[in-house]
C-alpha atoms as a PDB file:
ATOM      1  CA  UNK A   1       0.000   0.000   0.000  1.00  0.00           C
ATOM      2  CA  UNK A   2       1.367   3.403  -1.030  1.00  0.00           C
ATOM      3  CA  UNK A   3       1.642   6.182   1.478  1.00  0.00           C
ATOM      4  CA  UNK A   4       0.908   9.722   0.448  1.00  0.00           C
ATOM      5  CA  UNK A   5       3.185  12.411   1.766  1.00  0.00           C
ATOM      6  CA  UNK A   6       1.240  15.576   2.576  1.00  0.00           C
ATOM      7  CA  UNK A   7       3.231  18.802   2.296  1.00  0.00           C
ATOM      8  CA  UNK A   8       3.213  20.875   5.449  1.00  0.00           C
ATOM      9  CA  UNK A   9       4.275  24.484   5.647  1.00  0.00           C
ATOM     10  CA  UNK A  10       7.719  24.699   7.303  1.00  0.00           C
ATOM     11  CA  UNK A  11       7.482  26.081  10.827  1.00  0.00           C
ATOM     12  CA  UNK A  12       9.140  29.139  12.320  1.00  0.00           C
ATOM     13  CA  UNK A  13      11.257  26.705  14.309  1.00  0.00           C
ATOM     14  CA  UNK A  14      12.614  25.100  11.146  1.00  0.00           C
ATOM     15  CA  UNK A  15      13.516  28.499   9.709  1.00  0.00           C
ATOM     16  CA  UNK A  16      15.078  29.540  13.025  1.00  0.00           C
ATOM     17  CA  UNK A  17      17.198  26.372  13.141  1.00  0.00           C
ATOM     18  CA  UNK A  18      18.483  26.862   9.610  1.00  0.00           C
ATOM     19  CA  UNK A  19      19.233  30.573  10.159  1.00  0.00           C
ATOM     20  CA  UNK A  20      20.746  29.981  13.614  1.00  0.00           C
ATOM     21  CA  UNK A  21      18.425  32.431  15.389  1.00  0.00           C
ATOM     22  CA  UNK A  22      15.411  32.326  17.700  1.00  0.00           C
ATOM     23  CA  UNK A  23      11.824  31.963  16.498  1.00  0.00           C
ATOM     24  CA  UNK A  24      11.142  35.494  17.790  1.00  0.00           C
ATOM     25  CA  UNK A  25      13.914  36.812  15.564  1.00  0.00           C
ATOM     26  CA  UNK A  26      12.442  34.932  12.586  1.00  0.00           C
ATOM     27  CA  UNK A  27       9.042  36.481  13.248  1.00  0.00           C
ATOM     28  CA  UNK A  28      10.497  39.984  13.574  1.00  0.00           C
ATOM     29  CA  UNK A  29      12.650  39.591  10.464  1.00  0.00           C
ATOM     30  CA  UNK A  30       9.808  38.372   8.265  1.00  0.00           C
ATOM     31  CA  UNK A  31       7.233  40.829   9.612  1.00  0.00           C
ATOM     32  CA  UNK A  32       9.507  43.880   9.621  1.00  0.00           C
ATOM     33  CA  UNK A  33       9.123  44.359  13.376  1.00  0.00           C
ATOM     34  CA  UNK A  34      11.511  44.502  16.303  1.00  0.00           C
ATOM     35  CA  UNK A  35      15.200  45.323  16.200  1.00  0.00           C
ATOM     36  CA  UNK A  36      16.913  42.983  13.776  1.00  0.00           C
ATOM     37  CA  UNK A  37      20.164  43.762  11.995  1.00  0.00           C
ATOM     38  CA  UNK A  38      20.093  43.863   8.201  1.00  0.00           C
ATOM     39  CA  UNK A  39      22.522  40.927   7.968  1.00  0.00           C
ATOM     40  CA  UNK A  40      20.359  38.787  10.266  1.00  0.00           C
ATOM     41  CA  UNK A  41      17.158  39.737   8.463  1.00  0.00           C
ATOM     42  CA  UNK A  42      18.657  38.751   5.114  1.00  0.00           C
ATOM     43  CA  UNK A  43      19.852  35.438   6.589  1.00  0.00           C
ATOM     44  CA  UNK A  44      16.353  34.695   7.890  1.00  0.00           C
ATOM     45  CA  UNK A  45      14.737  35.567   4.562  1.00  0.00           C
ATOM     46  CA  UNK A  46      17.244  33.315   2.753  1.00  0.00           C
ATOM     47  CA  UNK A  47      16.440  30.459   5.130  1.00  0.00           C
ATOM     48  CA  UNK A  48      12.683  30.966   4.679  1.00  0.00           C
ATOM     49  CA  UNK A  49      13.158  30.982   0.910  1.00  0.00           C
ATOM     50  CA  UNK A  50      15.208  27.780   1.015  1.00  0.00           C
ATOM     51  CA  UNK A  51      12.601  25.962   3.097  1.00  0.00           C
ATOM     52  CA  UNK A  52       9.611  27.371   1.231  1.00  0.00           C
ATOM     53  CA  UNK A  53       8.216  29.034   4.339  1.00  0.00           C
ATOM     54  CA  UNK A  54       5.636  31.798   3.894  1.00  0.00           C
ATOM     55  CA  UNK A  55       4.191  33.550   6.945  1.00  0.00           C
ATOM     56  CA  UNK A  56       0.493  33.048   7.569  1.00  0.00           C
ATOM     57  CA  UNK A  57      -0.391  36.683   7.095  1.00  0.00           C
ATOM     58  CA  UNK A  58      -4.172  36.617   6.842  1.00  0.00           C
ATOM     59  CA  UNK A  59      -4.863  36.336  10.559  1.00  0.00           C
ATOM     60  CA  UNK A  60      -2.139  38.858  11.352  1.00  0.00           C
ATOM     61  CA  UNK A  61      -3.550  41.318   8.836  1.00  0.00           C
ATOM     62  CA  UNK A  62      -7.105  40.986  10.171  1.00  0.00           C
ATOM     63  CA  UNK A  63      -5.909  41.409  13.762  1.00  0.00           C
ATOM     64  CA  UNK A  64      -4.019  44.579  12.884  1.00  0.00           C
ATOM     65  CA  UNK A  65      -6.772  46.036  10.709  1.00  0.00           C
ATOM     66  CA  UNK A  66      -4.682  45.620   7.550  1.00  0.00           C
ATOM     67  CA  UNK A  67      -5.480  43.866   4.277  1.00  0.00           C
ATOM     68  CA  UNK A  68      -2.274  41.869   3.790  1.00  0.00           C
ATOM     69  CA  UNK A  69      -2.189  43.244   0.228  1.00  0.00           C
ATOM     70  CA  UNK A  70       0.502  45.347  -1.429  1.00  0.00           C
ATOM     71  CA  UNK A  71      -0.099  47.238  -4.662  1.00  0.00           C
ATOM     72  CA  UNK A  72       2.208  47.655  -7.658  1.00  0.00           C
ATOM     73  CA  UNK A  73       1.157  50.517  -9.885  1.00  0.00           C
ATOM     74  CA  UNK A  74       2.459  51.972 -13.131  1.00  0.00           C
ATOM     75  CA  UNK A  75       2.147  55.576 -14.181  1.00  0.00           C
ATOM     76  CA  UNK A  76      -0.380  56.563 -16.855  1.00  0.00           C
ATOM     77  CA  UNK A  77      -0.100  58.644 -20.021  1.00  0.00           C
ATOM     78  CA  UNK A  78      -3.634  59.889 -20.522  1.00  0.00           C
ATOM     79  CA  UNK A  79      -5.456  57.649 -22.988  1.00  0.00           C
ATOM     80  CA  UNK A  80      -2.212  56.225 -24.393  1.00  0.00           C
ATOM     81  CA  UNK A  81      -2.134  52.463 -23.672  1.00  0.00           C
ATOM     82  CA  UNK A  82       1.174  51.176 -22.313  1.00  0.00           C
ATOM     83  CA  UNK A  83       1.656  47.389 -22.328  1.00  0.00           C
ATOM     84  CA  UNK A  84       3.961  47.268 -19.322  1.00  0.00           C
ATOM     85  CA  UNK A  85       3.876  43.491 -19.024  1.00  0.00           C
ATOM     86  CA  UNK A  86       5.374  43.215 -22.525  1.00  0.00           C
ATOM     87  CA  UNK A  87       8.412  45.294 -21.507  1.00  0.00           C
ATOM     88  CA  UNK A  88      11.052  42.932 -20.043  1.00  0.00           C
ATOM     89  CA  UNK A  89      12.100  45.416 -17.354  1.00  0.00           C
ATOM     90  CA  UNK A  90       8.612  45.736 -15.872  1.00  0.00           C
ATOM     91  CA  UNK A  91       7.881  42.053 -16.229  1.00  0.00           C
ATOM     92  CA  UNK A  92      10.967  41.194 -14.165  1.00  0.00           C
ATOM     93  CA  UNK A  93      10.183  43.975 -11.696  1.00  0.00           C
ATOM     94  CA  UNK A  94       6.699  42.558 -11.087  1.00  0.00           C
ATOM     95  CA  UNK A  95       7.945  38.987 -10.711  1.00  0.00           C
ATOM     96  CA  UNK A  96      10.698  40.017  -8.288  1.00  0.00           C
ATOM     97  CA  UNK A  97       8.258  42.046  -6.213  1.00  0.00           C
ATOM     98  CA  UNK A  98       5.672  39.258  -6.244  1.00  0.00           C
ATOM     99  CA  UNK A  99       8.160  36.640  -5.053  1.00  0.00           C
ATOM    100  CA  UNK A 100       9.390  38.931  -2.257  1.00  0.00           C
ATOM    101  CA  UNK A 101       5.833  39.752  -1.161  1.00  0.00           C
ATOM    102  CA  UNK A 102       4.833  36.092  -1.064  1.00  0.00           C
ATOM    103  CA  UNK A 103       7.922  35.202   0.968  1.00  0.00           C
ATOM    104  CA  UNK A 104       6.860  37.768   3.534  1.00  0.00           C
ATOM    105  CA  UNK A 105       3.261  36.561   3.658  1.00  0.00           C
ATOM    106  CA  UNK A 106       1.700  39.348   1.588  1.00  0.00           C
ATOM    107  CA  UNK A 107      -0.285  39.329  -1.627  1.00  0.00           C
ATOM    108  CA  UNK A 108       0.882  41.603  -4.430  1.00  0.00           C
ATOM    109  CA  UNK A 109      -1.773  43.181  -6.629  1.00  0.00           C
ATOM    110  CA  UNK A 110      -0.429  44.448  -9.955  1.00  0.00           C
ATOM    111  CA  UNK A 111      -2.806  47.211 -10.958  1.00  0.00           C
ATOM    112  CA  UNK A 112      -3.521  48.193 -14.586  1.00  0.00           C
ATOM    113  CA  UNK A 113      -2.589  51.685 -15.722  1.00  0.00           C
ATOM    114  CA  UNK A 114      -6.149  52.361 -16.901  1.00  0.00           C
ATOM    115  CA  UNK A 115      -7.894  52.351 -13.509  1.00  0.00           C
ATOM    116  CA  UNK A 116     -10.297  55.170 -12.785  1.00  0.00           C
ATOM    117  CA  UNK A 117      -9.350  57.677 -10.044  1.00  0.00           C
ATOM    118  CA  UNK A 118     -11.995  56.098  -7.805  1.00  0.00           C
ATOM    119  CA  UNK A 119     -10.335  52.693  -8.088  1.00  0.00           C
ATOM    120  CA  UNK A 120      -6.908  54.152  -7.298  1.00  0.00           C
ATOM    121  CA  UNK A 121      -8.380  55.653  -4.153  1.00  0.00           C
ATOM    122  CA  UNK A 122     -10.486  52.683  -3.041  1.00  0.00           C
ATOM    123  CA  UNK A 123      -8.642  49.476  -3.996  1.00  0.00           C
ATOM    124  CA  UNK A 124      -7.791  47.657  -0.718  1.00  0.00           C
ATOM    125  CA  UNK A 125      -4.056  47.651   0.003  1.00  0.00           C
ATOM    126  CA  UNK A 126      -1.732  48.454   2.899  1.00  0.00           C
ATOM    127  CA  UNK A 127       0.907  50.186   0.809  1.00  0.00           C
ATOM    128  CA  UNK A 128       1.943  50.627  -2.795  1.00  0.00           C
ATOM    129  CA  UNK A 129       5.023  50.505  -5.006  1.00  0.00           C
ATOM    130  CA  UNK A 130       4.661  53.081  -7.761  1.00  0.00           C
ATOM    131  CA  UNK A 131       6.804  52.472 -10.845  1.00  0.00           C
ATOM    132  CA  UNK A 132       8.205  55.213 -13.053  1.00  0.00           C
ATOM    133  CA  UNK A 133       7.082  58.402 -11.247  1.00  0.00           C
ATOM    134  CA  UNK A 134       6.820  61.367 -13.608  1.00  0.00           C
ATOM    135  CA  UNK A 135       7.215  65.076 -12.940  1.00  0.00           C
ATOM    136  CA  UNK A 136       3.434  65.602 -12.958  1.00  0.00           C
ATOM    137  CA  UNK A 137       2.251  62.137 -12.129  1.00  0.00           C
ATOM    138  CA  UNK A 138      -1.540  61.724 -11.768  1.00  0.00           C
ATOM    139  CA  UNK A 139      -1.220  58.275 -10.176  1.00  0.00           C
ATOM    140  CA  UNK A 140       1.286  59.415  -7.564  1.00  0.00           C
ATOM    141  CA  UNK A 141      -0.909  62.391  -6.675  1.00  0.00           C
ATOM    142  CA  UNK A 142      -3.961  60.170  -6.179  1.00  0.00           C
ATOM    143  CA  UNK A 143      -2.062  57.637  -4.101  1.00  0.00           C
ATOM    144  CA  UNK A 144      -0.778  60.385  -1.806  1.00  0.00           C
ATOM    145  CA  UNK A 145      -4.395  61.307  -1.045  1.00  0.00           C
ATOM    146  CA  UNK A 146      -4.914  57.854   0.495  1.00  0.00           C
ATOM    147  CA  UNK A 147      -2.299  58.375   3.167  1.00  0.00           C
ATOM    148  CA  UNK A 148      -0.839  54.873   2.791  1.00  0.00           C
ATOM    149  CA  UNK A 149       2.927  54.163   2.546  1.00  0.00           C
ATOM    150  CA  UNK A 150       4.356  54.646  -0.952  1.00  0.00           C
ATOM    151  CA  UNK A 151       7.686  53.442  -2.330  1.00  0.00           C
ATOM    152  CA  UNK A 152       8.748  54.693  -5.751  1.00  0.00           C
ATOM    153  CA  UNK A 153      10.508  52.469  -8.257  1.00  0.00           C
ATOM    154  CA  UNK A 154      12.858  55.116  -9.582  1.00  0.00           C
ATOM    155  CA  UNK A 155      13.722  58.454  -8.049  1.00  0.00           C
ATOM    156  CA  UNK A 156      10.980  61.100  -8.034  1.00  0.00           C
ATOM    157  CA  UNK A 157      11.673  64.113 -10.250  1.00  0.00           C
ATOM    158  CA  UNK A 158      10.715  66.489  -7.455  1.00  0.00           C
ATOM    159  CA  UNK A 159      11.684  64.696  -4.246  1.00  0.00           C
ATOM    160  CA  UNK A 160      10.338  65.894  -0.924  1.00  0.00           C
ATOM    161  CA  UNK A 161      11.492  65.028   2.604  1.00  0.00           C
ATOM    162  CA  UNK A 162      10.290  61.598   3.601  1.00  0.00           C
ATOM    163  CA  UNK A 163      10.168  60.175   0.052  1.00  0.00           C
ATOM    164  CA  UNK A 164      11.018  56.490  -0.125  1.00  0.00           C
ATOM    165  CA  UNK A 165      12.430  55.023  -3.322  1.00  0.00           C
ATOM    166  CA  UNK A 166      14.467  52.184  -4.794  1.00  0.00           C
ATOM    167  CA  UNK A 167      16.395  52.693  -8.012  1.00  0.00           C
ATOM    168  CA  UNK A 168      19.262  51.244  -9.986  1.00  0.00           C
ATOM    169  CA  UNK A 169      22.611  52.958  -9.523  1.00  0.00           C
ATOM    170  CA  UNK A 170      22.411  54.539 -12.973  1.00  0.00           C
ATOM    171  CA  UNK A 171      25.761  56.280 -12.672  1.00  0.00           C
ATOM    172  CA  UNK A 172      27.487  52.956 -11.931  1.00  0.00           C
ATOM    173  CA  UNK A 173      25.539  51.160 -14.656  1.00  0.00           C
ATOM    174  CA  UNK A 174      26.356  53.631 -17.413  1.00  0.00           C
ATOM    175  CA  UNK A 175      29.993  53.715 -16.338  1.00  0.00           C
ATOM    176  CA  UNK A 176      30.150  49.937 -16.681  1.00  0.00           C
ATOM    177  CA  UNK A 177      29.187  50.311 -20.343  1.00  0.00           C
ATOM    178  CA  UNK A 178      31.361  53.354 -21.038  1.00  0.00           C
ATOM    179  CA  UNK A 179      34.466  51.907 -19.380  1.00  0.00           C
ATOM    180  CA  UNK A 180      33.997  48.660 -21.296  1.00  0.00           C
ATOM    181  CA  UNK A 181      33.660  50.513 -24.608  1.00  0.00           C
ATOM    182  CA  UNK A 182      36.769  52.582 -23.892  1.00  0.00           C
ATOM    183  CA  UNK A 183      38.723  49.404 -23.125  1.00  0.00           C
ATOM    184  CA  UNK A 184      37.496  48.019 -26.473  1.00  0.00           C
ATOM    185  CA  UNK A 185      39.080  50.985 -28.257  1.00  0.00           C
ATOM    186  CA  UNK A 186      36.207  53.473 -28.549  1.00  0.00           C
ATOM    187  CA  UNK A 187      37.208  57.147 -28.298  1.00  0.00           C
ATOM    188  CA  UNK A 188      34.031  58.872 -29.533  1.00  0.00           C
ATOM    189  CA  UNK A 189      31.189  57.285 -27.578  1.00  0.00           C
ATOM    190  CA  UNK A 190      27.765  58.734 -28.329  1.00  0.00           C
ATOM    191  CA  UNK A 191      24.484  58.537 -26.440  1.00  0.00           C
ATOM    192  CA  UNK A 192      20.919  58.421 -27.745  1.00  0.00           C
ATOM    193  CA  UNK A 193      18.776  60.044 -25.073  1.00  0.00           C
ATOM    194  CA  UNK A 194      14.966  59.994 -24.756  1.00  0.00           C
ATOM    195  CA  UNK A 195      13.039  63.161 -23.974  1.00  0.00           C
ATOM    196  CA  UNK A 196      10.800  62.177 -21.093  1.00  0.00           C
ATOM    197  CA  UNK A 197       9.358  63.742 -17.929  1.00  0.00           C
ATOM    198  CA  UNK A 198      10.856  61.339 -15.415  1.00  0.00           C
ATOM    199  CA  UNK A 199      14.235  61.388 -13.669  1.00  0.00           C
ATOM    200  CA  UNK A 200      15.789  58.573 -15.691  1.00  0.00           C
ATOM    201  CA  UNK A 201      17.083  60.472 -18.768  1.00  0.00           C
ATOM    202  CA  UNK A 202      18.386  63.308 -16.579  1.00  0.00           C
ATOM    203  CA  UNK A 203      20.340  60.935 -14.332  1.00  0.00           C
ATOM    204  CA  UNK A 204      21.735  59.037 -17.325  1.00  0.00           C
ATOM    205  CA  UNK A 205      22.848  62.263 -18.987  1.00  0.00           C
ATOM    206  CA  UNK A 206      24.508  63.445 -15.775  1.00  0.00           C
ATOM    207  CA  UNK A 207      26.500  60.221 -15.572  1.00  0.00           C
ATOM    208  CA  UNK A 208      27.508  60.413 -19.241  1.00  0.00           C
ATOM    209  CA  UNK A 209      28.599  64.070 -19.150  1.00  0.00           C
ATOM    210  CA  UNK A 210      30.568  63.480 -15.965  1.00  0.00           C
ATOM    211  CA  UNK A 211      32.340  60.455 -17.452  1.00  0.00           C
ATOM    212  CA  UNK A 212      33.247  62.376 -20.627  1.00  0.00           C
ATOM    213  CA  UNK A 213      34.558  65.339 -18.626  1.00  0.00           C
ATOM    214  CA  UNK A 214      36.773  63.096 -16.513  1.00  0.00           C
ATOM    215  CA  UNK A 215      38.407  61.685 -19.647  1.00  0.00           C
ATOM    216  CA  UNK A 216      38.365  64.852 -21.766  1.00  0.00           C
ATOM    217  CA  UNK A 217      36.457  63.173 -24.586  1.00  0.00           C
ATOM    218  CA  UNK A 218      33.699  64.745 -26.719  1.00  0.00           C
ATOM    219  CA  UNK A 219      30.093  64.778 -25.531  1.00  0.00           C
ATOM    220  CA  UNK A 220      27.962  63.338 -28.337  1.00  0.00           C
ATOM    221  CA  UNK A 221      24.260  63.294 -27.466  1.00  0.00           C
ATOM    222  CA  UNK A 222      21.281  63.070 -29.788  1.00  0.00           C
ATOM    223  CA  UNK A 223      17.825  63.366 -28.225  1.00  0.00           C
ATOM    224  CA  UNK A 224      14.617  61.834 -29.512  1.00  0.00           C
ATOM    225  CA  UNK A 225      10.925  61.856 -28.623  1.00  0.00           C
ATOM    226  CA  UNK A 226       9.984  58.804 -26.557  1.00  0.00           C
ATOM    227  CA  UNK A 227       6.204  58.980 -27.046  1.00  0.00           C
ATOM    228  CA  UNK A 228       4.036  57.613 -28.547  1.00  0.00           C
ATOM    229  CA  UNK A 229       6.813  55.189 -29.571  1.00  0.00           C
ATOM    230  CA  UNK A 230      10.519  55.645 -29.902  1.00  0.00           C
ATOM    231  CA  UNK A 231      11.462  53.105 -32.563  1.00  0.00           C
ATOM    232  CA  UNK A 232      11.543  55.511 -35.507  1.00  0.00           C
ATOM    233  CA  UNK A 233      12.675  58.548 -33.543  1.00  0.00           C
ATOM    234  CA  UNK A 234      15.625  56.760 -31.943  1.00  0.00           C
ATOM    235  CA  UNK A 235      16.714  55.249 -35.260  1.00  0.00           C
ATOM    236  CA  UNK A 236      16.645  58.766 -36.699  1.00  0.00           C
ATOM    237  CA  UNK A 237      18.676  60.071 -33.742  1.00  0.00           C
ATOM    238  CA  UNK A 238      21.265  57.308 -34.184  1.00  0.00           C
ATOM    239  CA  UNK A 239      21.406  58.128 -37.893  1.00  0.00           C
ATOM    240  CA  UNK A 240      22.122  61.783 -37.144  1.00  0.00           C
ATOM    241  CA  UNK A 241      25.002  60.718 -34.903  1.00  0.00           C
ATOM    242  CA  UNK A 242      26.406  58.498 -37.652  1.00  0.00           C
ATOM    243  CA  UNK A 243      26.151  61.376 -40.151  1.00  0.00           C
ATOM    244  CA  UNK A 244      28.606  63.428 -38.096  1.00  0.00           C
ATOM    245  CA  UNK A 245      32.169  63.940 -39.268  1.00  0.00           C
ATOM    246  CA  UNK A 246      34.008  62.416 -37.578  1.00  0.00           C
ATOM    247  CA  UNK A 247      31.310  59.948 -36.636  1.00  0.00           C
ATOM    248  CA  UNK A 248      31.095  58.134 -33.302  1.00  0.00           C
ATOM    249  CA  UNK A 249      32.863  54.798 -32.961  1.00  0.00           C
ATOM    250  CA  UNK A 250      30.366  53.590 -30.369  1.00  0.00           C
ATOM    251  CA  UNK A 251      26.740  54.343 -29.459  1.00  0.00           C
ATOM    252  CA  UNK A 252      24.936  53.570 -26.210  1.00  0.00           C
ATOM    253  CA  UNK A 253      21.132  53.452 -25.983  1.00  0.00           C
ATOM    254  CA  UNK A 254      19.224  53.512 -22.714  1.00  0.00           C
ATOM    255  CA  UNK A 255      15.793  52.024 -23.461  1.00  0.00           C
ATOM    256  CA  UNK A 256      14.684  48.414 -23.867  1.00  0.00           C
ATOM    257  CA  UNK A 257      14.698  48.406 -27.691  1.00  0.00           C
ATOM    258  CA  UNK A 258      17.593  50.851 -28.126  1.00  0.00           C
ATOM    259  CA  UNK A 259      20.019  48.136 -29.210  1.00  0.00           C
ATOM    260  CA  UNK A 260      17.660  47.039 -32.004  1.00  0.00           C
ATOM    261  CA  UNK A 261      17.177  50.650 -33.089  1.00  0.00           C
ATOM    262  CA  UNK A 262      20.903  51.439 -33.204  1.00  0.00           C
ATOM    263  CA  UNK A 263      21.666  48.232 -35.120  1.00  0.00           C
ATOM    264  CA  UNK A 264      19.014  49.241 -37.676  1.00  0.00           C
ATOM    265  CA  UNK A 265      20.602  52.690 -38.069  1.00  0.00           C
ATOM    266  CA  UNK A 266      24.052  51.131 -38.495  1.00  0.00           C
ATOM    267  CA  UNK A 267      22.769  48.810 -41.230  1.00  0.00           C
ATOM    268  CA  UNK A 268      21.115  51.761 -42.978  1.00  0.00           C
ATOM    269  CA  UNK A 269      24.502  53.521 -43.024  1.00  0.00           C
ATOM    270  CA  UNK A 270      26.301  50.460 -44.326  1.00  0.00           C
ATOM    271  CA  UNK A 271      28.268  49.965 -41.115  1.00  0.00           C
ATOM    272  CA  UNK A 272      29.202  46.580 -39.686  1.00  0.00           C
ATOM    273  CA  UNK A 273      28.941  45.992 -35.948  1.00  0.00           C
ATOM    274  CA  UNK A 274      31.408  45.607 -34.239  1.00  0.00           C
ATOM    275  CA  UNK A 275      33.990  46.167 -37.012  1.00  0.00           C
ATOM    276  CA  UNK A 276      32.940  49.766 -37.731  1.00  0.00           C
ATOM    277  CA  UNK A 277      30.805  50.617 -34.703  1.00  0.00           C
ATOM    278  CA  UNK A 278      30.416  49.311 -31.170  1.00  0.00           C
ATOM    279  CA  UNK A 279      26.869  49.104 -29.785  1.00  0.00           C
ATOM    280  CA  UNK A 280      25.644  48.722 -26.210  1.00  0.00           C
ATOM    281  CA  UNK A 281      22.382  49.426 -24.431  1.00  0.00           C
ATOM    282  CA  UNK A 282      20.629  49.379 -21.081  1.00  0.00           C
ATOM    283  CA  UNK A 283      18.040  46.647 -21.365  1.00  0.00           C
ATOM    284  CA  UNK A 284      16.671  43.409 -19.913  1.00  0.00           C
ATOM    285  CA  UNK A 285      15.577  42.081 -23.321  1.00  0.00           C
ATOM    286  CA  UNK A 286      16.781  38.452 -23.667  1.00  0.00           C
ATOM    287  CA  UNK A 287      16.579  38.757 -27.470  1.00  0.00           C
ATOM    288  CA  UNK A 288      19.922  40.589 -27.461  1.00  0.00           C
ATOM    289  CA  UNK A 289      21.609  37.221 -26.963  1.00  0.00           C
ATOM    290  CA  UNK A 290      20.512  36.195 -30.467  1.00  0.00           C
ATOM    291  CA  UNK A 291      20.605  39.412 -32.522  1.00  0.00           C
ATOM    292  CA  UNK A 292      23.154  39.785 -35.306  1.00  0.00           C
ATOM    293  CA  UNK A 293      25.506  40.456 -33.686  1.00  0.00           C
ATOM    294  CA  UNK A 294      24.487  39.775 -30.060  1.00  0.00           C
ATOM    295  CA  UNK A 295      24.361  43.097 -28.203  1.00  0.00           C
ATOM    296  CA  UNK A 296      26.178  44.002 -24.990  1.00  0.00           C
ATOM    297  CA  UNK A 297      23.674  45.171 -22.372  1.00  0.00           C
ATOM    298  CA  UNK A 298      23.603  46.640 -18.895  1.00  0.00           C
ATOM    299  CA  UNK A 299      21.011  44.995 -16.682  1.00  0.00           C
ATOM    300  CA  UNK A 300      19.499  47.282 -14.047  1.00  0.00           C
ATOM    301  CA  UNK A 301      18.397  44.176 -12.105  1.00  0.00           C
ATOM    302  CA  UNK A 302      14.683  45.000 -11.897  1.00  0.00           C
ATOM    303  CA  UNK A 303      14.107  41.732 -10.018  1.00  0.00           C
ATOM    304  CA  UNK A 304      16.331  43.006  -7.196  1.00  0.00           C
ATOM    305  CA  UNK A 305      14.676  46.435  -7.362  1.00  0.00           C
ATOM    306  CA  UNK A 306      11.309  44.725  -6.899  1.00  0.00           C
ATOM    307  CA  UNK A 307      12.607  42.764  -3.906  1.00  0.00           C
ATOM    308  CA  UNK A 308      14.101  45.856  -2.278  1.00  0.00           C
ATOM    309  CA  UNK A 309      10.938  47.884  -2.926  1.00  0.00           C
ATOM    310  CA  UNK A 310       8.799  45.257  -1.182  1.00  0.00           C
ATOM    311  CA  UNK A 311      11.218  45.086   1.746  1.00  0.00           C
ATOM    312  CA  UNK A 312      11.192  48.870   2.127  1.00  0.00           C
ATOM    313  CA  UNK A 313       7.396  49.083   1.790  1.00  0.00           C
ATOM    314  CA  UNK A 314       6.824  46.446   4.473  1.00  0.00           C
ATOM    315  CA  UNK A 315       9.253  48.292   6.739  1.00  0.00           C
ATOM    316  CA  UNK A 316       7.214  51.499   6.275  1.00  0.00           C
ATOM    317  CA  UNK A 317       3.925  49.681   6.857  1.00  0.00           C
ATOM    318  CA  UNK A 318       5.278  48.272  10.126  1.00  0.00           C
ATOM    319  CA  UNK A 319       6.843  51.634  11.045  1.00  0.00           C
ATOM    320  CA  UNK A 320      10.272  50.082  11.399  1.00  0.00           C
ATOM    321  CA  UNK A 321      12.834  52.637  12.580  1.00  0.00           C
ATOM    322  CA  UNK A 322      16.336  53.200  11.262  1.00  0.00           C
ATOM    323  CA  UNK A 323      15.366  52.196   7.719  1.00  0.00           C
ATOM    324  CA  UNK A 324      17.263  53.503   4.691  1.00  0.00           C
ATOM    325  CA  UNK A 325      14.454  55.066   2.643  1.00  0.00           C
ATOM    326  CA  UNK A 326      16.607  55.593  -0.457  1.00  0.00           C
ATOM    327  CA  UNK A 327      18.174  52.451  -1.876  1.00  0.00           C
ATOM    328  CA  UNK A 328      20.351  51.759  -4.903  1.00  0.00           C
ATOM    329  CA  UNK A 329      20.676  48.402  -6.645  1.00  0.00           C
ATOM    330  CA  UNK A 330      23.928  47.653  -8.470  1.00  0.00           C
ATOM    331  CA  UNK A 331      23.588  46.952 -12.229  1.00  0.00           C
ATOM    332  CA  UNK A 332      25.418  44.216 -14.122  1.00  0.00           C
ATOM    333  CA  UNK A 333      27.172  44.269 -17.507  1.00  0.00           C
ATOM    334  CA  UNK A 334      26.509  41.422 -19.943  1.00  0.00           C
ATOM    335  CA  UNK A 335      29.246  41.533 -22.589  1.00  0.00           C
ATOM    336  CA  UNK A 336      28.431  40.234 -26.076  1.00  0.00           C
ATOM    337  CA  UNK A 337      29.948  40.430 -29.560  1.00  0.00           C
ATOM    338  CA  UNK A 338      28.674  43.936 -30.420  1.00  0.00           C
ATOM    339  CA  UNK A 339      31.522  45.402 -28.339  1.00  0.00           C
ATOM    340  CA  UNK A 340      34.359  43.019 -29.210  1.00  0.00           C
ATOM    341  CA  UNK A 341      36.753  45.775 -30.284  1.00  0.00           C
ATOM    342  CA  UNK A 342      37.113  48.090 -33.233  1.00  0.00           C
ATOM    343  CA  UNK A 343      39.038  47.468 -36.424  1.00  0.00           C
ATOM    344  CA  UNK A 344      42.176  49.644 -36.497  1.00  0.00           C
ATOM    345  CA  UNK A 345      41.128  50.817 -39.964  1.00  0.00           C
ATOM    346  CA  UNK A 346      37.694  51.990 -38.812  1.00  0.00           C
ATOM    347  CA  UNK A 347      37.245  55.737 -39.556  1.00  0.00           C
ATOM    348  CA  UNK A 348      35.505  56.290 -36.249  1.00  0.00           C
ATOM    349  CA  UNK A 349      38.267  54.735 -34.176  1.00  0.00           C
ATOM    350  CA  UNK A 350      40.639  57.641 -34.465  1.00  0.00           C
ATOM    351  CA  UNK A 351      41.434  59.355 -31.202  1.00  0.00           C
END
């Protein structure tokens, strides 16, 4: 006769044993309460993840008058539909945030960008992560009216005291790409830059200008309209850069499809990548592993940003003291053939 093994949720004691702490410490670490060092809290979360433990949050939420639900919202652009889930960055952000919320015993509700103002104000949730805050952001304004904790994914354009946000270290990320291109022989590195009313393009431009000034190399920036779509406008911007004399020997794009757009502009100009032009971009798009040639990309680690945003939001909900309300996640460089070094005979490779 076969016996059926019934899965049972790992206990606090099992997590405590694996992490080498008390059950009280496990409870405090997972619930964002008490005084627990960051190193200990991370060790407890890792142990809970390994064992598959998720706190039973429903009873706790009811007892405290909370919902046990976190919201993840995206900014809106009037009637312009934005398919966030089709953009690799936001897809990974949502999955990272969802996994972190579930590990901590919360539900994560990903809210569509087309909700009416009434729904933004009335949907049940204890706190919200708001992605991509704009200078005049209608969603952010409505959420502030609710008086619930808010964590921004990305730095607000007009920060005020008490703002809480998690962002990629954009300066470090862009420098990873620029340093790599310089090591590959590039001396005239250009940037295609979107015109947009959030902090991202401004921070990227700051990092680029600073890097160029430190090395006394030319600043080569071509801006393009990002809405309603940036495919044609960025290809045009890259083309204008390649029409310059002398032309750039490398171009960096900073949006998800920028690598595709710059490759298209290079082909239009009869240039071969990487022989005549090096190409890199900031993107999470896995398709860059199979483009011709595969494109070097900086990953902003949206999965980690989602995890950190959930951790910070739960800390605010539980009024945890001594919390860093402004957090940076370190990007990673994925090197591929599009930056494998310039030909010495390339016109753009002159110093």
